[in-house]
Amino acid sequence: MKTELVISNVLRLGVWSSMALIASGSGWHFLSGDSASAARLVTAGLVLLIATPVLRVAASLALFAVERDKIYTLVTAAVLLLLALSFILGKAG
């Protein structure tokens, strides 16, 4: 499978899933008035939306490793490591 196709599918699936969660949470809030459950759905959608680019980098890393492209694998691993480090430091602060 082509690398670009896999990456575009990861991005597409992440955005559509996020949109579905956010819309479900919004609809749940308006139909039932249960703001706690609705807030959890919306939050899950937003977390997924934020995580989608990170998943794209992880998918790229796996694809480059399968293709045995050492340079791109190393660069992508460094980017993923920096992303993880920024999340860890952001959580600590």
N, C-alpha and C. Protein backbone atom coordinates (compact mmCIF):
# COMPACT_ATOMS: atom_id res chain seq x y z
N MET A 1 0.84 -1.17 0.00
CA MET A 1 0.00 0.00 0.00
C MET A 1 0.89 1.24 0.00
N LYS A 2 0.45 2.27 -0.69
CA LYS A 2 1.25 3.48 -0.77
C LYS A 2 1.23 4.24 0.54
N THR A 3 2.38 4.79 0.87
CA THR A 3 2.54 5.53 2.11
C THR A 3 1.56 6.69 2.20
N GLU A 4 1.43 7.45 1.13
CA GLU A 4 0.56 8.63 1.14
C GLU A 4 -0.90 8.23 1.38
N LEU A 5 -1.31 7.10 0.82
CA LEU A 5 -2.69 6.65 0.99
C LEU A 5 -2.97 6.25 2.44
N VAL A 6 -2.03 5.55 3.06
CA VAL A 6 -2.20 5.15 4.45
C VAL A 6 -2.26 6.38 5.34
N ILE A 7 -1.36 7.32 5.12
CA ILE A 7 -1.32 8.54 5.94
C ILE A 7 -2.60 9.35 5.76
N SER A 8 -3.07 9.48 4.53
CA SER A 8 -4.31 10.23 4.31
C SER A 8 -5.50 9.52 4.96
N ASN A 9 -5.51 8.19 4.96
CA ASN A 9 -6.59 7.46 5.61
C ASN A 9 -6.55 7.64 7.12
N VAL A 10 -5.36 7.66 7.71
CA VAL A 10 -5.23 7.90 9.16
C VAL A 10 -5.79 9.28 9.50
N LEU A 11 -5.41 10.29 8.73
CA LEU A 11 -5.89 11.65 8.98
C LEU A 11 -7.40 11.74 8.79
N ARG A 12 -7.89 11.15 7.72
CA ARG A 12 -9.32 11.20 7.42
C ARG A 12 -10.13 10.50 8.52
N LEU A 13 -9.69 9.32 8.93
CA LEU A 13 -10.39 8.57 9.97
C LEU A 13 -10.37 9.33 11.30
N GLY A 14 -9.24 9.94 11.62
CA GLY A 14 -9.14 10.70 12.87
C GLY A 14 -10.07 11.89 12.89
N VAL A 15 -10.13 12.63 11.80
CA VAL A 15 -10.97 13.83 11.75
C VAL A 15 -12.45 13.45 11.76
N TRP A 16 -12.83 12.46 10.97
CA TRP A 16 -14.24 12.06 10.92
C TRP A 16 -14.70 11.47 12.26
N SER A 17 -13.84 10.67 12.88
CA SER A 17 -14.20 10.09 14.18
C SER A 17 -14.33 11.19 15.23
N SER A 18 -13.42 12.14 15.20
CA SER A 18 -13.49 13.26 16.12
C SER A 18 -14.77 14.06 15.92
N MET A 19 -15.08 14.32 14.67
CA MET A 19 -16.29 15.07 14.36
C MET A 19 -17.54 14.31 14.84
N ALA A 20 -17.54 13.00 14.68
CA ALA A 20 -18.68 12.20 15.11
C ALA A 20 -18.84 12.26 16.64
N LEU A 21 -17.74 12.18 17.36
CA LEU A 21 -17.81 12.25 18.82
C LEU A 21 -18.30 13.62 19.29
N ILE A 22 -17.78 14.67 18.69
CA ILE A 22 -18.18 16.03 19.08
C ILE A 22 -19.65 16.26 18.74
N ALA A 23 -20.09 15.83 17.57
CA ALA A 23 -21.50 15.99 17.18
C ALA A 23 -22.40 15.16 18.09
N SER A 24 -21.97 13.95 18.43
CA SER A 24 -22.76 13.10 19.33
C SER A 24 -22.89 13.74 20.70
N GLY A 25 -21.79 14.28 21.21
CA GLY A 25 -21.84 14.95 22.50
C GLY A 25 -22.75 16.16 22.49
N SER A 26 -22.67 16.93 21.42
CA SER A 26 -23.53 18.11 21.31
C SER A 26 -24.99 17.70 21.21
N GLY A 27 -25.27 16.70 20.39
CA GLY A 27 -26.64 16.21 20.26
C GLY A 27 -27.16 15.64 21.56
N TRP A 28 -26.32 14.90 22.26
CA TRP A 28 -26.71 14.32 23.55
C TRP A 28 -27.09 15.42 24.54
N HIS A 29 -26.30 16.47 24.54
CA HIS A 29 -26.57 17.58 25.45
C HIS A 29 -27.93 18.23 25.14
N PHE A 30 -28.19 18.48 23.87
CA PHE A 30 -29.43 19.15 23.50
C PHE A 30 -30.66 18.25 23.68
N LEU A 31 -30.50 16.95 23.43
CA LEU A 31 -31.65 16.04 23.53
C LEU A 31 -31.95 15.59 24.95
N SER A 32 -30.91 15.32 25.72
CA SER A 32 -31.15 14.77 27.06
C SER A 32 -30.88 15.76 28.19
N GLY A 33 -30.09 16.75 27.90
CA GLY A 33 -29.74 17.71 28.95
C GLY A 33 -28.67 17.20 29.91
N ASP A 34 -28.15 16.01 29.65
CA ASP A 34 -27.11 15.42 30.50
C ASP A 34 -25.76 16.02 30.09
N SER A 35 -25.38 17.07 30.77
CA SER A 35 -24.17 17.78 30.35
C SER A 35 -22.89 17.04 30.71
N ALA A 36 -22.91 16.18 31.73
CA ALA A 36 -21.69 15.46 32.12
C ALA A 36 -21.30 14.44 31.05
N SER A 37 -22.26 13.66 30.59
CA SER A 37 -21.97 12.67 29.54
C SER A 37 -21.63 13.35 28.24
N ALA A 38 -22.34 14.42 27.93
CA ALA A 38 -22.08 15.16 26.70
C ALA A 38 -20.68 15.76 26.71
N ALA A 39 -20.27 16.28 27.86
CA ALA A 39 -18.94 16.87 27.97
C ALA A 39 -17.86 15.82 27.78
N ARG A 40 -18.11 14.60 28.28
CA ARG A 40 -17.14 13.52 28.08
C ARG A 40 -16.99 13.17 26.60
N LEU A 41 -18.10 13.11 25.88
CA LEU A 41 -18.04 12.82 24.45
C LEU A 41 -17.31 13.91 23.68
N VAL A 42 -17.64 15.15 23.98
CA VAL A 42 -16.98 16.27 23.30
C VAL A 42 -15.49 16.29 23.63
N THR A 43 -15.15 16.05 24.88
CA THR A 43 -13.74 16.01 25.28
C THR A 43 -13.00 14.88 24.56
N ALA A 44 -13.63 13.72 24.46
CA ALA A 44 -13.01 12.61 23.74
C ALA A 44 -12.78 12.97 22.28
N GLY A 45 -13.73 13.67 21.69
CA GLY A 45 -13.58 14.10 20.30
C GLY A 45 -12.44 15.09 20.12
N LEU A 46 -12.31 16.01 21.06
CA LEU A 46 -11.22 16.98 20.99
C LEU A 46 -9.86 16.34 21.21
N VAL A 47 -9.80 15.39 22.15
CA VAL A 47 -8.55 14.67 22.39
C VAL A 47 -8.15 13.88 21.14
N LEU A 48 -9.12 13.24 20.51
CA LEU A 48 -8.84 12.50 19.28
C LEU A 48 -8.36 13.45 18.18
N LEU A 49 -8.98 14.61 18.09
CA LEU A 49 -8.57 15.58 17.07
C LEU A 49 -7.13 16.04 17.31
N ILE A 50 -6.75 16.24 18.56
CA ILE A 50 -5.38 16.63 18.89
C ILE A 50 -4.41 15.48 18.65
N ALA A 51 -4.87 14.25 18.91
CA ALA A 51 -4.00 13.08 18.76
C ALA A 51 -3.82 12.65 17.30
N THR A 52 -4.69 13.08 16.41
CA THR A 52 -4.64 12.63 15.02
C THR A 52 -3.29 12.92 14.35
N PRO A 53 -2.72 14.12 14.45
CA PRO A 53 -1.41 14.34 13.83
C PRO A 53 -0.30 13.47 14.45
N VAL A 54 -0.41 13.19 15.74
CA VAL A 54 0.57 12.32 16.39
C VAL A 54 0.44 10.90 15.85
N LEU A 55 -0.79 10.45 15.66
CA LEU A 55 -1.02 9.13 15.06
C LEU A 55 -0.48 9.08 13.62
N ARG A 56 -0.57 10.20 12.93
CA ARG A 56 -0.04 10.28 11.57
C ARG A 56 1.48 10.09 11.58
N VAL A 57 2.15 10.71 12.54
CA VAL A 57 3.60 10.57 12.65
C VAL A 57 3.95 9.12 13.02
N ALA A 58 3.18 8.52 13.93
CA ALA A 58 3.43 7.12 14.30
C ALA A 58 3.22 6.19 13.11
N ALA A 59 2.17 6.43 12.33
CA ALA A 59 1.94 5.61 11.13
C ALA A 59 3.06 5.79 10.13
N SER A 60 3.54 7.02 9.97
CA SER A 60 4.66 7.28 9.06
C SER A 60 5.90 6.54 9.51
N LEU A 61 6.15 6.55 10.81
CA LEU A 61 7.31 5.84 11.34
C LEU A 61 7.23 4.36 11.01
N ALA A 62 6.07 3.76 11.23
CA ALA A 62 5.90 2.33 10.94
C ALA A 62 6.07 2.05 9.45
N LEU A 63 5.49 2.90 8.61
CA LEU A 63 5.60 2.69 7.16
C LEU A 63 7.03 2.84 6.67
N PHE A 64 7.73 3.85 7.16
CA PHE A 64 9.12 4.04 6.74
C PHE A 64 10.00 2.88 7.22
N ALA A 65 9.71 2.36 8.40
CA ALA A 65 10.47 1.22 8.91
C ALA A 65 10.22 -0.02 8.05
N VAL A 66 8.96 -0.24 7.65
CA VAL A 66 8.63 -1.38 6.79
C VAL A 66 9.32 -1.24 5.44
N GLU A 67 9.37 -0.01 4.92
CA GLU A 67 10.03 0.25 3.64
C GLU A 67 11.56 0.24 3.75
N ARG A 68 12.07 0.13 4.98
CA ARG A 68 13.51 0.14 5.27
C ARG A 68 14.20 1.43 4.79
N ASP A 69 13.49 2.52 4.95
CA ASP A 69 14.05 3.83 4.62
C ASP A 69 14.63 4.41 5.90
N LYS A 70 15.94 4.22 6.07
CA LYS A 70 16.60 4.54 7.35
C LYS A 70 16.56 6.02 7.69
N ILE A 71 16.81 6.88 6.71
CA ILE A 71 16.85 8.32 6.98
C ILE A 71 15.48 8.82 7.44
N TYR A 72 14.43 8.50 6.68
CA TYR A 72 13.09 8.95 7.06
C TYR A 72 12.63 8.31 8.36
N THR A 73 13.03 7.07 8.60
CA THR A 73 12.67 6.41 9.86
C THR A 73 13.30 7.14 11.04
N LEU A 74 14.57 7.50 10.92
CA LEU A 74 15.25 8.22 12.00
C LEU A 74 14.66 9.61 12.22
N VAL A 75 14.40 10.33 11.14
CA VAL A 75 13.84 11.68 11.27
C VAL A 75 12.44 11.60 11.89
N THR A 76 11.63 10.66 11.42
CA THR A 76 10.28 10.52 11.95
C THR A 76 10.30 10.07 13.40
N ALA A 77 11.23 9.20 13.76
CA ALA A 77 11.36 8.78 15.15
C ALA A 77 11.74 9.97 16.03
N ALA A 78 12.61 10.83 15.53
CA ALA A 78 12.99 12.02 16.29
C ALA A 78 11.80 12.96 16.48
N VAL A 79 11.00 13.13 15.43
CA VAL A 79 9.80 13.98 15.53
C VAL A 79 8.82 13.39 16.54
N LEU A 80 8.60 12.08 16.49
CA LEU A 80 7.69 11.44 17.44
C LEU A 80 8.21 11.56 18.87
N LEU A 81 9.51 11.42 19.04
CA LEU A 81 10.11 11.58 20.36
C LEU A 81 9.92 13.00 20.88
N LEU A 82 10.11 13.99 20.02
CA LEU A 82 9.91 15.38 20.43
C LEU A 82 8.44 15.67 20.77
N LEU A 83 7.53 15.09 20.01
CA LEU A 83 6.11 15.24 20.33
C LEU A 83 5.79 14.64 21.69
N ALA A 84 6.29 13.44 21.93
CA ALA A 84 6.05 12.77 23.23
C ALA A 84 6.66 13.59 24.36
N LEU A 85 7.87 14.08 24.15
CA LEU A 85 8.52 14.90 25.17
C LEU A 85 7.74 16.18 25.45
N SER A 86 7.21 16.80 24.41
CA SER A 86 6.45 18.03 24.62
C SER A 86 5.17 17.77 25.38
N PHE A 87 4.52 16.62 25.13
CA PHE A 87 3.31 16.27 25.89
C PHE A 87 3.67 16.00 27.35
N ILE A 88 4.77 15.30 27.58
CA ILE A 88 5.19 14.98 28.95
C ILE A 88 5.55 16.24 29.72
N LEU A 89 6.32 17.12 29.09
CA LEU A 89 6.71 18.37 29.76
C LEU A 89 5.52 19.29 29.94
N GLY A 90 4.59 19.28 28.99
CA GLY A 90 3.39 20.09 29.12
C GLY A 90 2.51 19.62 30.26
N LYS A 91 2.46 18.30 30.45
CA LYS A 91 1.67 17.72 31.55
C LYS A 91 2.32 18.05 32.90
N ALA A 92 3.65 18.03 32.93
CA ALA A 92 4.37 18.28 34.18
C ALA A 92 4.24 19.75 34.61
N GLY A 93 4.12 20.63 33.63
CA GLY A 93 4.07 22.06 33.94
C GLY A 93 2.72 22.49 34.24
